Amino acid sequence: MKRIFRIAAVSALAFGFSARADVNTNLPVIVTGVSVVVEDQVITYGEITERVDRSASSLVNIYGGDRRQLAAEWKRLHDQEIEDLIDRKLILHEFYSGSYATNALETVIDNEVNRDIKRNWGNDRARLIETLKAEGKTFEMYRRDMRDSIILSVMRSQNEGESKKIIISPLKIEQYYKEHQDLFKVDDEVQLRMISIAQGQDAAPGAARKLADEVLAKITNGVTFAEMATVNSSDSYQKKGGERGWVERKDLKDELAQAAFALKPGERSGVIELPEGCYIMMVEDKRAAHIKPLADVRMEIESTLNGKERAALHERWIQRLKIKSFIQYY
């Protein structure tokens, strides 16, 4: 009877929606009404649409030229957001239906709200309220969102306490390494130093080339490459004397890669002029394509496997909550 009452109570809302055509996908998007009921909570079409819209522009940028792929990715994102919202509702319901809620929670929320206002709003509550109003929200909605975030964090942290018991054995690491060799393949590499001299928009035509020629002449006359990079390079590697470490072909522009991989260890290039500026490179060492040894990637693999185990723990927890909960899709 309890479940029938829930369905009856929201059915009228579920059919009271309006639709719009999404300009990016031509798919119908429901903007009001109930999409899912989780116990005594509802997930509206508007909630889903709001979350999907946050990523819609990036989808258009990536898949805009392929309408079919764009529609498929939009649907995948849409379905994922629904499941994420369901997970949130399940966790919140578990909190309120259990023995977790205490008076101390309200104090924690008040303290976090005050910290947020001080940190992000210059300790000006009125400014926050005006901003919320412009977004169609109230302070009560803001505080409720803060409450939900705190509860979700606490509940997830409590559930993830089991993750402390996760042990990734050396055997598992070795097995993963053997089964995923492609992940650890490295193409031909050069150990590279590079001086980059940008052709500024306001600089005189040929200014970058003139400076690059002067720099190259000083290197030829005995000034160290690292010293000239520290003084003249215009990129983020300047302070490191132009040192870039081990670099694969794919890490460089084609023109630069071609020049770098043609050099032998200890050799340097001449001035390489491109539209954005000039480059001088020195190759300190080279090594052929290879697979990284297990010792170099052991910690990386352990972190990956630990993450998989933690995700599996979370999924099992959510599945347990789903089994004992009422969920109705519309």
C-alpha atoms as a PDB file:
ATOM      1  CA  MET A   1       0.000   0.000   0.000  1.00  0.00           C
ATOM      2  CA  LYS A   2       2.883   2.348   0.833  1.00  0.00           C
ATOM      3  CA  ARG A   3       4.418   1.969  -2.630  1.00  0.00           C
ATOM      4  CA  ILE A   4       1.064   2.347  -4.400  1.00  0.00           C
ATOM      5  CA  PHE A   5       0.475   5.584  -2.493  1.00  0.00           C
ATOM      6  CA  ARG A   6       3.879   6.896  -3.561  1.00  0.00           C
ATOM      7  CA  ILE A   7       3.141   6.205  -7.212  1.00  0.00           C
ATOM      8  CA  ALA A   8      -0.279   7.781  -7.025  1.00  0.00           C
ATOM      9  CA  ALA A   9       1.095  10.856  -5.316  1.00  0.00           C
ATOM     10  CA  VAL A  10       3.566  11.622  -8.086  1.00  0.00           C
ATOM     11  CA  SER A  11       1.779  10.286 -11.165  1.00  0.00           C
ATOM     12  CA  ALA A  12       0.008  13.581 -11.800  1.00  0.00           C
ATOM     13  CA  LEU A  13       3.330  15.383 -11.749  1.00  0.00           C
ATOM     14  CA  ALA A  14       4.910  12.790 -13.992  1.00  0.00           C
ATOM     15  CA  PHE A  15       2.477  13.644 -16.759  1.00  0.00           C
ATOM     16  CA  GLY A  16       2.593  17.399 -16.222  1.00  0.00           C
ATOM     17  CA  PHE A  17       5.660  18.116 -18.293  1.00  0.00           C
ATOM     18  CA  SER A  18       6.520  20.247 -21.258  1.00  0.00           C
ATOM     19  CA  ALA A  19       9.189  19.470 -23.824  1.00  0.00           C
ATOM     20  CA  ARG A  20      11.628  21.430 -25.898  1.00  0.00           C
ATOM     21  CA  ALA A  21      13.800  20.421 -28.809  1.00  0.00           C
ATOM     22  CA  ASP A  22      17.463  20.517 -27.907  1.00  0.00           C
ATOM     23  CA  VAL A  23      19.182  22.696 -30.484  1.00  0.00           C
ATOM     24  CA  ASN A  24      22.332  20.589 -30.392  1.00  0.00           C
ATOM     25  CA  THR A  25      20.900  17.088 -30.734  1.00  0.00           C
ATOM     26  CA  ASN A  26      17.320  17.482 -32.002  1.00  0.00           C
ATOM     27  CA  LEU A  27      16.353  15.129 -29.177  1.00  0.00           C
ATOM     28  CA  PRO A  28      13.299  15.951 -27.042  1.00  0.00           C
ATOM     29  CA  VAL A  29      14.315  17.164 -23.592  1.00  0.00           C
ATOM     30  CA  ILE A  30      11.745  17.161 -20.796  1.00  0.00           C
ATOM     31  CA  VAL A  31      12.156  20.198 -18.569  1.00  0.00           C
ATOM     32  CA  THR A  32       9.503  19.685 -15.870  1.00  0.00           C
ATOM     33  CA  GLY A  33       7.811  16.753 -14.162  1.00  0.00           C
ATOM     34  CA  VAL A  34       9.019  13.650 -12.364  1.00  0.00           C
ATOM     35  CA  SER A  35      11.496  11.285 -13.985  1.00  0.00           C
ATOM     36  CA  VAL A  36      12.323   8.916 -11.101  1.00  0.00           C
ATOM     37  CA  VAL A  37      11.011   8.306  -7.594  1.00  0.00           C
ATOM     38  CA  VAL A  38      13.533   7.032  -5.042  1.00  0.00           C
ATOM     39  CA  GLU A  39      11.731   6.079  -1.838  1.00  0.00           C
ATOM     40  CA  ASP A  40      10.016   9.349  -0.833  1.00  0.00           C
ATOM     41  CA  GLN A  41      12.226  11.578  -2.995  1.00  0.00           C
ATOM     42  CA  VAL A  42      11.766  12.600  -6.613  1.00  0.00           C
ATOM     43  CA  ILE A  43      14.175  13.347  -9.426  1.00  0.00           C
ATOM     44  CA  THR A  44      12.713  15.828 -11.866  1.00  0.00           C
ATOM     45  CA  TYR A  45      13.427  16.155 -15.556  1.00  0.00           C
ATOM     46  CA  GLY A  46      14.633  19.657 -14.803  1.00  0.00           C
ATOM     47  CA  GLU A  47      17.311  18.372 -12.413  1.00  0.00           C
ATOM     48  CA  ILE A  48      18.569  15.966 -15.046  1.00  0.00           C
ATOM     49  CA  THR A  49      18.533  18.573 -17.798  1.00  0.00           C
ATOM     50  CA  GLU A  50      20.423  21.072 -15.644  1.00  0.00           C
ATOM     51  CA  ARG A  51      23.193  18.546 -14.978  1.00  0.00           C
ATOM     52  CA  VAL A  52      23.388  17.424 -18.612  1.00  0.00           C
ATOM     53  CA  ASP A  53      23.511  21.019 -19.856  1.00  0.00           C
ATOM     54  CA  ARG A  54      26.727  21.599 -17.881  1.00  0.00           C
ATOM     55  CA  SER A  55      28.528  19.233 -20.258  1.00  0.00           C
ATOM     56  CA  ALA A  56      26.461  19.850 -23.397  1.00  0.00           C
ATOM     57  CA  SER A  57      28.799  22.448 -24.897  1.00  0.00           C
ATOM     58  CA  SER A  58      31.828  20.157 -24.598  1.00  0.00           C
ATOM     59  CA  LEU A  59      29.888  17.380 -26.330  1.00  0.00           C
ATOM     60  CA  VAL A  60      29.040  19.735 -29.180  1.00  0.00           C
ATOM     61  CA  ASN A  61      32.691  20.772 -29.470  1.00  0.00           C
ATOM     62  CA  ILE A  62      33.806  17.148 -29.707  1.00  0.00           C
ATOM     63  CA  TYR A  63      30.990  15.542 -31.696  1.00  0.00           C
ATOM     64  CA  GLY A  64      29.311  18.525 -33.368  1.00  0.00           C
ATOM     65  CA  GLY A  65      30.263  17.300 -36.827  1.00  0.00           C
ATOM     66  CA  ASP A  66      28.631  13.913 -36.299  1.00  0.00           C
ATOM     67  CA  ARG A  67      24.959  14.287 -35.402  1.00  0.00           C
ATOM     68  CA  ARG A  68      24.449  10.591 -34.771  1.00  0.00           C
ATOM     69  CA  GLN A  69      27.459  10.303 -32.460  1.00  0.00           C
ATOM     70  CA  LEU A  70      26.446  13.518 -30.700  1.00  0.00           C
ATOM     71  CA  ALA A  71      22.976  12.125 -30.023  1.00  0.00           C
ATOM     72  CA  ALA A  72      24.454   8.851 -28.740  1.00  0.00           C
ATOM     73  CA  GLU A  73      26.873  10.654 -26.405  1.00  0.00           C
ATOM     74  CA  TRP A  74      24.120  12.966 -25.203  1.00  0.00           C
ATOM     75  CA  LYS A  75      21.949   9.953 -24.323  1.00  0.00           C
ATOM     76  CA  ARG A  76      24.853   8.234 -22.563  1.00  0.00           C
ATOM     77  CA  LEU A  77      25.494  11.356 -20.493  1.00  0.00           C
ATOM     78  CA  HIS A  78      21.776  11.752 -19.811  1.00  0.00           C
ATOM     79  CA  ASP A  79      21.481   8.153 -18.547  1.00  0.00           C
ATOM     80  CA  GLN A  80      24.621   8.505 -16.436  1.00  0.00           C
ATOM     81  CA  GLU A  81      23.326  11.659 -14.769  1.00  0.00           C
ATOM     82  CA  ILE A  82      20.088   9.874 -13.893  1.00  0.00           C
ATOM     83  CA  GLU A  83      21.986   7.021 -12.244  1.00  0.00           C
ATOM     84  CA  ASP A  84      24.235   9.462 -10.380  1.00  0.00           C
ATOM     85  CA  LEU A  85      21.184  11.306  -9.048  1.00  0.00           C
ATOM     86  CA  ILE A  86      19.615   8.009  -7.989  1.00  0.00           C
ATOM     87  CA  ASP A  87      22.806   7.097  -6.125  1.00  0.00           C
ATOM     88  CA  ARG A  88      22.687  10.446  -4.319  1.00  0.00           C
ATOM     89  CA  LYS A  89      19.055   9.959  -3.313  1.00  0.00           C
ATOM     90  CA  LEU A  90      19.757   6.426  -2.086  1.00  0.00           C
ATOM     91  CA  ILE A  91      22.646   7.575   0.080  1.00  0.00           C
ATOM     92  CA  LEU A  92      20.650  10.475   1.513  1.00  0.00           C
ATOM     93  CA  HIS A  93      17.745   8.150   2.275  1.00  0.00           C
ATOM     94  CA  GLU A  94      20.100   5.713   4.001  1.00  0.00           C
ATOM     95  CA  PHE A  95      21.344   8.565   6.165  1.00  0.00           C
ATOM     96  CA  TYR A  96      17.910   9.814   7.207  1.00  0.00           C
ATOM     97  CA  SER A  97      16.374   6.369   7.684  1.00  0.00           C
ATOM     98  CA  GLY A  98      19.284   5.185   9.809  1.00  0.00           C
ATOM     99  CA  SER A  99      20.615   6.442  13.086  1.00  0.00           C
ATOM    100  CA  TYR A 100      23.021   8.907  11.541  1.00  0.00           C
ATOM    101  CA  ALA A 101      21.168  12.214  11.881  1.00  0.00           C
ATOM    102  CA  THR A 102      22.055  14.171  15.029  1.00  0.00           C
ATOM    103  CA  ASN A 103      21.667  17.716  16.273  1.00  0.00           C
ATOM    104  CA  ALA A 104      25.408  18.116  15.761  1.00  0.00           C
ATOM    105  CA  LEU A 105      24.820  17.932  12.016  1.00  0.00           C
ATOM    106  CA  GLU A 106      23.077  21.312  11.989  1.00  0.00           C
ATOM    107  CA  THR A 107      26.029  22.874  13.770  1.00  0.00           C
ATOM    108  CA  VAL A 108      28.404  21.344  11.218  1.00  0.00           C
ATOM    109  CA  ILE A 109      26.291  22.725   8.364  1.00  0.00           C
ATOM    110  CA  ASP A 110      26.103  26.202   9.927  1.00  0.00           C
ATOM    111  CA  ASN A 111      29.873  26.233  10.388  1.00  0.00           C
ATOM    112  CA  GLU A 112      30.474  25.136   6.792  1.00  0.00           C
ATOM    113  CA  VAL A 113      28.034  27.752   5.455  1.00  0.00           C
ATOM    114  CA  ASN A 114      29.815  30.461   7.447  1.00  0.00           C
ATOM    115  CA  ARG A 115      33.205  29.271   6.183  1.00  0.00           C
ATOM    116  CA  ASP A 116      31.956  29.277   2.595  1.00  0.00           C
ATOM    117  CA  ILE A 117      30.533  32.793   2.913  1.00  0.00           C
ATOM    118  CA  LYS A 118      33.784  34.044   4.430  1.00  0.00           C
ATOM    119  CA  ARG A 119      35.982  32.264   1.883  1.00  0.00           C
ATOM    120  CA  ASN A 120      34.034  32.851  -1.324  1.00  0.00           C
ATOM    121  CA  TRP A 121      31.748  35.805  -0.638  1.00  0.00           C
ATOM    122  CA  GLY A 122      33.922  38.189   1.349  1.00  0.00           C
ATOM    123  CA  ASN A 123      31.913  37.399   4.491  1.00  0.00           C
ATOM    124  CA  ASP A 124      28.958  39.165   2.846  1.00  0.00           C
ATOM    125  CA  ARG A 125      25.815  37.063   3.245  1.00  0.00           C
ATOM    126  CA  ALA A 126      23.692  39.647   1.412  1.00  0.00           C
ATOM    127  CA  ARG A 127      25.956  39.359  -1.632  1.00  0.00           C
ATOM    128  CA  LEU A 128      25.494  35.580  -1.647  1.00  0.00           C
ATOM    129  CA  ILE A 129      21.724  35.907  -1.348  1.00  0.00           C
ATOM    130  CA  GLU A 130      21.570  38.385  -4.240  1.00  0.00           C
ATOM    131  CA  THR A 131      23.631  36.057  -6.422  1.00  0.00           C
ATOM    132  CA  LEU A 132      21.417  33.114  -5.536  1.00  0.00           C
ATOM    133  CA  LYS A 133      18.350  35.172  -6.341  1.00  0.00           C
ATOM    134  CA  ALA A 134      19.728  35.993  -9.787  1.00  0.00           C
ATOM    135  CA  GLU A 135      20.157  32.245 -10.336  1.00  0.00           C
ATOM    136  CA  GLY A 136      16.589  31.530  -9.271  1.00  0.00           C
ATOM    137  CA  LYS A 137      17.626  30.007  -5.957  1.00  0.00           C
ATOM    138  CA  THR A 138      17.029  30.793  -2.301  1.00  0.00           C
ATOM    139  CA  PHE A 139      19.332  30.710   0.697  1.00  0.00           C
ATOM    140  CA  GLU A 140      17.356  27.735   1.978  1.00  0.00           C
ATOM    141  CA  MET A 141      18.088  25.870  -1.264  1.00  0.00           C
ATOM    142  CA  TYR A 142      21.769  26.779  -0.934  1.00  0.00           C
ATOM    143  CA  ARG A 143      21.850  25.498   2.651  1.00  0.00           C
ATOM    144  CA  ARG A 144      20.048  22.309   1.640  1.00  0.00           C
ATOM    145  CA  ASP A 145      22.634  21.677  -1.074  1.00  0.00           C
ATOM    146  CA  MET A 146      25.377  22.247   1.494  1.00  0.00           C
ATOM    147  CA  ARG A 147      23.673  19.792   3.859  1.00  0.00           C
ATOM    148  CA  ASP A 148      23.378  17.158   1.122  1.00  0.00           C
ATOM    149  CA  SER A 149      27.038  17.573   0.148  1.00  0.00           C
ATOM    150  CA  ILE A 150      28.178  17.100   3.736  1.00  0.00           C
ATOM    151  CA  ILE A 151      25.977  14.057   4.252  1.00  0.00           C
ATOM    152  CA  LEU A 152      27.112  12.463   1.004  1.00  0.00           C
ATOM    153  CA  SER A 153      30.746  13.068   1.909  1.00  0.00           C
ATOM    154  CA  VAL A 154      30.315  11.574   5.385  1.00  0.00           C
ATOM    155  CA  MET A 155      28.412   8.528   4.144  1.00  0.00           C
ATOM    156  CA  ARG A 156      30.840   7.823   1.320  1.00  0.00           C
ATOM    157  CA  SER A 157      33.762   8.242   3.673  1.00  0.00           C
ATOM    158  CA  GLN A 158      32.193   5.822   6.132  1.00  0.00           C
ATOM    159  CA  ASN A 159      31.566   3.251   3.421  1.00  0.00           C
ATOM    160  CA  GLU A 160      35.073   3.710   2.031  1.00  0.00           C
ATOM    161  CA  GLY A 161      36.447   2.855   5.452  1.00  0.00           C
ATOM    162  CA  GLU A 162      36.443  -0.693   4.143  1.00  0.00           C
ATOM    163  CA  SER A 163      38.958   0.388   1.509  1.00  0.00           C
ATOM    164  CA  LYS A 164      41.622   0.530   4.207  1.00  0.00           C
ATOM    165  CA  LYS A 165      41.492  -3.245   4.216  1.00  0.00           C
ATOM    166  CA  ILE A 166      42.310  -3.437   0.496  1.00  0.00           C
ATOM    167  CA  ILE A 167      45.611  -5.171  -0.125  1.00  0.00           C
ATOM    168  CA  ILE A 168      47.075  -5.229  -3.624  1.00  0.00           C
ATOM    169  CA  SER A 169      49.403  -8.207  -3.705  1.00  0.00           C
ATOM    170  CA  PRO A 170      52.634  -8.284  -5.751  1.00  0.00           C
ATOM    171  CA  LEU A 171      51.089 -11.139  -7.738  1.00  0.00           C
ATOM    172  CA  LYS A 172      48.123  -8.950  -8.785  1.00  0.00           C
ATOM    173  CA  ILE A 173      50.479  -6.181  -9.829  1.00  0.00           C
ATOM    174  CA  GLU A 174      52.599  -8.545 -11.903  1.00  0.00           C
ATOM    175  CA  GLN A 175      49.517 -10.088 -13.522  1.00  0.00           C
ATOM    176  CA  TYR A 176      48.150  -6.644 -14.449  1.00  0.00           C
ATOM    177  CA  TYR A 177      51.535  -5.694 -15.895  1.00  0.00           C
ATOM    178  CA  LYS A 178      51.622  -8.820 -18.086  1.00  0.00           C
ATOM    179  CA  GLU A 179      48.042  -8.349 -19.300  1.00  0.00           C
ATOM    180  CA  HIS A 180      48.362  -4.629 -20.083  1.00  0.00           C
ATOM    181  CA  GLN A 181      51.707  -4.318 -21.821  1.00  0.00           C
ATOM    182  CA  ASP A 182      50.250  -1.840 -24.319  1.00  0.00           C
ATOM    183  CA  LEU A 183      49.737   0.665 -21.502  1.00  0.00           C
ATOM    184  CA  PHE A 184      53.456   0.715 -20.784  1.00  0.00           C
ATOM    185  CA  LYS A 185      54.823   0.909 -24.311  1.00  0.00           C
ATOM    186  CA  VAL A 186      57.066   3.865 -25.003  1.00  0.00           C
ATOM    187  CA  ASP A 187      57.985   4.988 -28.536  1.00  0.00           C
ATOM    188  CA  ASP A 188      61.434   6.157 -29.581  1.00  0.00           C
ATOM    189  CA  GLU A 189      62.572   8.947 -27.258  1.00  0.00           C
ATOM    190  CA  VAL A 190      65.146  11.690 -27.094  1.00  0.00           C
ATOM    191  CA  GLN A 191      66.429  13.377 -23.956  1.00  0.00           C
ATOM    192  CA  LEU A 192      65.948  16.951 -25.061  1.00  0.00           C
ATOM    193  CA  ARG A 193      66.877  20.510 -24.266  1.00  0.00           C
ATOM    194  CA  MET A 194      65.180  23.223 -26.266  1.00  0.00           C
ATOM    195  CA  ILE A 195      65.329  26.990 -26.522  1.00  0.00           C
ATOM    196  CA  SER A 196      62.033  28.526 -27.593  1.00  0.00           C
ATOM    197  CA  ILE A 197      61.931  32.144 -28.752  1.00  0.00           C
ATOM    198  CA  ALA A 198      58.433  33.441 -29.427  1.00  0.00           C
ATOM    199  CA  GLN A 199      57.648  35.906 -32.198  1.00  0.00           C
ATOM    200  CA  GLY A 200      55.506  38.363 -30.244  1.00  0.00           C
ATOM    201  CA  GLN A 201      52.507  39.917 -31.964  1.00  0.00           C
ATOM    202  CA  ASP A 202      53.828  43.405 -31.303  1.00  0.00           C
ATOM    203  CA  ALA A 203      57.442  42.567 -32.162  1.00  0.00           C
ATOM    204  CA  ALA A 204      59.054  43.643 -35.399  1.00  0.00           C
ATOM    205  CA  PRO A 205      58.927  41.056 -38.201  1.00  0.00           C
ATOM    206  CA  GLY A 206      61.888  38.681 -37.924  1.00  0.00           C
ATOM    207  CA  ALA A 207      62.684  39.679 -34.333  1.00  0.00           C
ATOM    208  CA  ALA A 208      62.534  36.081 -33.100  1.00  0.00           C
ATOM    209  CA  ARG A 209      64.832  34.893 -35.894  1.00  0.00           C
ATOM    210  CA  LYS A 210      67.352  37.646 -35.201  1.00  0.00           C
ATOM    211  CA  LEU A 211      67.541  36.770 -31.497  1.00  0.00           C
ATOM    212  CA  ALA A 212      67.693  33.029 -32.258  1.00  0.00           C
ATOM    213  CA  ASP A 213      70.668  33.584 -34.600  1.00  0.00           C
ATOM    214  CA  GLU A 214      72.447  35.577 -31.885  1.00  0.00           C
ATOM    215  CA  VAL A 215      71.780  32.856 -29.327  1.00  0.00           C
ATOM    216  CA  LEU A 216      73.031  30.133 -31.666  1.00  0.00           C
ATOM    217  CA  ALA A 217      76.212  32.113 -32.352  1.00  0.00           C
ATOM    218  CA  LYS A 218      76.961  32.400 -28.625  1.00  0.00           C
ATOM    219  CA  ILE A 219      76.426  28.658 -28.152  1.00  0.00           C
ATOM    220  CA  THR A 220      78.769  27.988 -31.071  1.00  0.00           C
ATOM    221  CA  ASN A 221      81.377  30.226 -29.391  1.00  0.00           C
ATOM    222  CA  GLY A 222      81.267  28.240 -26.152  1.00  0.00           C
ATOM    223  CA  VAL A 223      78.372  29.522 -24.006  1.00  0.00           C
ATOM    224  CA  THR A 224      76.487  26.532 -22.634  1.00  0.00           C
ATOM    225  CA  PHE A 225      73.133  25.611 -24.100  1.00  0.00           C
ATOM    226  CA  ALA A 226      71.544  25.554 -20.624  1.00  0.00           C
ATOM    227  CA  GLU A 227      72.774  29.053 -19.835  1.00  0.00           C
ATOM    228  CA  MET A 228      71.402  30.488 -23.065  1.00  0.00           C
ATOM    229  CA  ALA A 229      68.069  28.720 -22.489  1.00  0.00           C
ATOM    230  CA  THR A 230      67.837  30.170 -18.983  1.00  0.00           C
ATOM    231  CA  VAL A 231      68.420  33.694 -20.293  1.00  0.00           C
ATOM    232  CA  ASN A 232      66.550  33.635 -23.594  1.00  0.00           C
ATOM    233  CA  SER A 233      63.923  30.880 -23.746  1.00  0.00           C
ATOM    234  CA  SER A 234      60.340  32.120 -23.539  1.00  0.00           C
ATOM    235  CA  ASP A 235      58.624  28.936 -22.367  1.00  0.00           C
ATOM    236  CA  SER A 236      58.028  27.308 -18.979  1.00  0.00           C
ATOM    237  CA  TYR A 237      61.252  25.275 -19.227  1.00  0.00           C
ATOM    238  CA  GLN A 238      63.419  28.393 -19.081  1.00  0.00           C
ATOM    239  CA  LYS A 239      64.367  27.989 -15.416  1.00  0.00           C
ATOM    240  CA  LYS A 240      65.431  24.399 -16.079  1.00  0.00           C
ATOM    241  CA  GLY A 241      67.864  25.451 -18.781  1.00  0.00           C
ATOM    242  CA  GLY A 242      65.494  24.220 -21.477  1.00  0.00           C
ATOM    243  CA  GLU A 243      65.571  20.662 -20.130  1.00  0.00           C
ATOM    244  CA  ARG A 244      62.489  18.678 -21.178  1.00  0.00           C
ATOM    245  CA  GLY A 245      63.544  15.202 -20.136  1.00  0.00           C
ATOM    246  CA  TRP A 246      62.613  12.190 -22.242  1.00  0.00           C
ATOM    247  CA  VAL A 247      60.312  13.172 -25.109  1.00  0.00           C
ATOM    248  CA  GLU A 248      58.452  11.011 -27.651  1.00  0.00           C
ATOM    249  CA  ARG A 249      57.722  12.027 -31.220  1.00  0.00           C
ATOM    250  CA  LYS A 250      54.076  12.622 -30.424  1.00  0.00           C
ATOM    251  CA  ASP A 251      55.062  15.212 -27.817  1.00  0.00           C
ATOM    252  CA  LEU A 252      56.517  17.531 -30.468  1.00  0.00           C
ATOM    253  CA  LYS A 253      55.243  19.329 -33.531  1.00  0.00           C
ATOM    254  CA  ASP A 254      56.080  17.432 -36.703  1.00  0.00           C
ATOM    255  CA  GLU A 255      58.783  19.877 -37.797  1.00  0.00           C
ATOM    256  CA  LEU A 256      60.452  19.766 -34.386  1.00  0.00           C
ATOM    257  CA  ALA A 257      60.149  15.987 -34.055  1.00  0.00           C
ATOM    258  CA  GLN A 258      61.735  15.463 -37.457  1.00  0.00           C
ATOM    259  CA  ALA A 259      64.696  17.632 -36.511  1.00  0.00           C
ATOM    260  CA  ALA A 260      65.116  16.256 -32.981  1.00  0.00           C
ATOM    261  CA  PHE A 261      65.090  12.581 -33.968  1.00  0.00           C
ATOM    262  CA  ALA A 262      67.585  13.217 -36.763  1.00  0.00           C
ATOM    263  CA  LEU A 263      70.167  14.389 -34.208  1.00  0.00           C
ATOM    264  CA  LYS A 264      72.658  12.105 -32.491  1.00  0.00           C
ATOM    265  CA  PRO A 265      73.350  12.315 -28.741  1.00  0.00           C
ATOM    266  CA  GLY A 266      75.369  15.463 -28.051  1.00  0.00           C
ATOM    267  CA  GLU A 267      74.330  17.188 -31.283  1.00  0.00           C
ATOM    268  CA  ARG A 268      72.256  20.328 -31.567  1.00  0.00           C
ATOM    269  CA  SER A 269      70.114  21.741 -34.325  1.00  0.00           C
ATOM    270  CA  GLY A 270      70.340  25.014 -36.128  1.00  0.00           C
ATOM    271  CA  VAL A 271      67.565  27.585 -35.863  1.00  0.00           C
ATOM    272  CA  ILE A 272      64.186  26.058 -36.713  1.00  0.00           C
ATOM    273  CA  GLU A 273      61.806  28.813 -37.737  1.00  0.00           C
ATOM    274  CA  LEU A 274      58.042  28.324 -37.451  1.00  0.00           C
ATOM    275  CA  PRO A 275      55.225  30.893 -37.699  1.00  0.00           C
ATOM    276  CA  GLU A 276      54.963  31.294 -33.917  1.00  0.00           C
ATOM    277  CA  GLY A 277      58.692  31.617 -33.283  1.00  0.00           C
ATOM    278  CA  CYS A 278      62.104  29.953 -33.458  1.00  0.00           C
ATOM    279  CA  TYR A 279      63.588  26.899 -31.779  1.00  0.00           C
ATOM    280  CA  ILE A 280      67.045  25.499 -31.112  1.00  0.00           C
ATOM    281  CA  MET A 281      67.323  21.917 -29.845  1.00  0.00           C
ATOM    282  CA  MET A 282      70.018  19.765 -28.320  1.00  0.00           C
ATOM    283  CA  VAL A 283      69.696  15.995 -27.911  1.00  0.00           C
ATOM    284  CA  GLU A 284      71.521  14.675 -24.861  1.00  0.00           C
ATOM    285  CA  ASP A 285      70.607  11.009 -25.316  1.00  0.00           C
ATOM    286  CA  LYS A 286      68.347   8.673 -27.300  1.00  0.00           C
ATOM    287  CA  ARG A 287      66.633   5.368 -26.640  1.00  0.00           C
ATOM    288  CA  ALA A 288      64.614   3.036 -28.819  1.00  0.00           C
ATOM    289  CA  ALA A 289      60.979   2.095 -28.301  1.00  0.00           C
ATOM    290  CA  HIS A 290      60.531  -0.192 -25.301  1.00  0.00           C
ATOM    291  CA  ILE A 291      58.164  -1.338 -22.591  1.00  0.00           C
ATOM    292  CA  LYS A 292      58.661   0.328 -19.230  1.00  0.00           C
ATOM    293  CA  PRO A 293      60.082  -2.129 -16.693  1.00  0.00           C
ATOM    294  CA  LEU A 294      57.780  -3.292 -13.926  1.00  0.00           C
ATOM    295  CA  ALA A 295      59.895  -1.518 -11.303  1.00  0.00           C
ATOM    296  CA  ASP A 296      59.137   1.836 -12.949  1.00  0.00           C
ATOM    297  CA  VAL A 297      55.359   1.361 -13.035  1.00  0.00           C
ATOM    298  CA  ARG A 298      54.726  -0.751  -9.915  1.00  0.00           C
ATOM    299  CA  MET A 299      53.345   2.168  -7.885  1.00  0.00           C
ATOM    300  CA  GLU A 300      51.222   3.327 -10.826  1.00  0.00           C
ATOM    301  CA  ILE A 301      49.691  -0.151 -11.203  1.00  0.00           C
ATOM    302  CA  GLU A 302      49.080  -0.448  -7.464  1.00  0.00           C
ATOM    303  CA  SER A 303      47.241   2.895  -7.512  1.00  0.00           C
ATOM    304  CA  THR A 304      45.151   1.784 -10.508  1.00  0.00           C
ATOM    305  CA  LEU A 305      44.181  -1.522  -8.893  1.00  0.00           C
ATOM    306  CA  ASN A 306      43.420   0.199  -5.604  1.00  0.00           C
ATOM    307  CA  GLY A 307      41.111   2.594  -7.430  1.00  0.00           C
ATOM    308  CA  LYS A 308      39.327  -0.310  -9.116  1.00  0.00           C
ATOM    309  CA  GLU A 309      38.810  -2.041  -5.778  1.00  0.00           C
ATOM    310  CA  ARG A 310      37.471   1.135  -4.192  1.00  0.00           C
ATOM    311  CA  ALA A 311      35.074   1.622  -7.125  1.00  0.00           C
ATOM    312  CA  ALA A 312      33.900  -1.979  -6.765  1.00  0.00           C
ATOM    313  CA  LEU A 313      33.280  -1.464  -3.038  1.00  0.00           C
ATOM    314  CA  HIS A 314      31.222   1.641  -3.794  1.00  0.00           C
ATOM    315  CA  GLU A 315      29.214  -0.132  -6.491  1.00  0.00           C
ATOM    316  CA  ARG A 316      28.427  -3.074  -4.180  1.00  0.00           C
ATOM    317  CA  TRP A 317      27.251  -0.607  -1.535  1.00  0.00           C
ATOM    318  CA  ILE A 318      24.971   1.165  -4.011  1.00  0.00           C
ATOM    319  CA  GLN A 319      23.586  -2.162  -5.231  1.00  0.00           C
ATOM    320  CA  ARG A 320      22.748  -3.159  -1.640  1.00  0.00           C
ATOM    321  CA  LEU A 321      20.898   0.135  -1.209  1.00  0.00           C
ATOM    322  CA  LYS A 322      19.013  -0.394  -4.480  1.00  0.00           C
ATOM    323  CA  ILE A 323      17.921  -3.898  -3.528  1.00  0.00           C
ATOM    324  CA  LYS A 324      16.237  -2.718  -0.339  1.00  0.00           C
ATOM    325  CA  SER A 325      14.839   0.535  -1.756  1.00  0.00           C
ATOM    326  CA  PHE A 326      11.839   1.550  -3.823  1.00  0.00           C
ATOM    327  CA  ILE A 327      12.786   3.035  -7.206  1.00  0.00           C
ATOM    328  CA  GLN A 328      10.227   3.906  -9.878  1.00  0.00           C
ATOM    329  CA  TYR A 329      11.185   5.203 -13.331  1.00  0.00           C
ATOM    330  CA  TYR A 330       8.748   7.219 -15.463  1.00  0.00           C
END
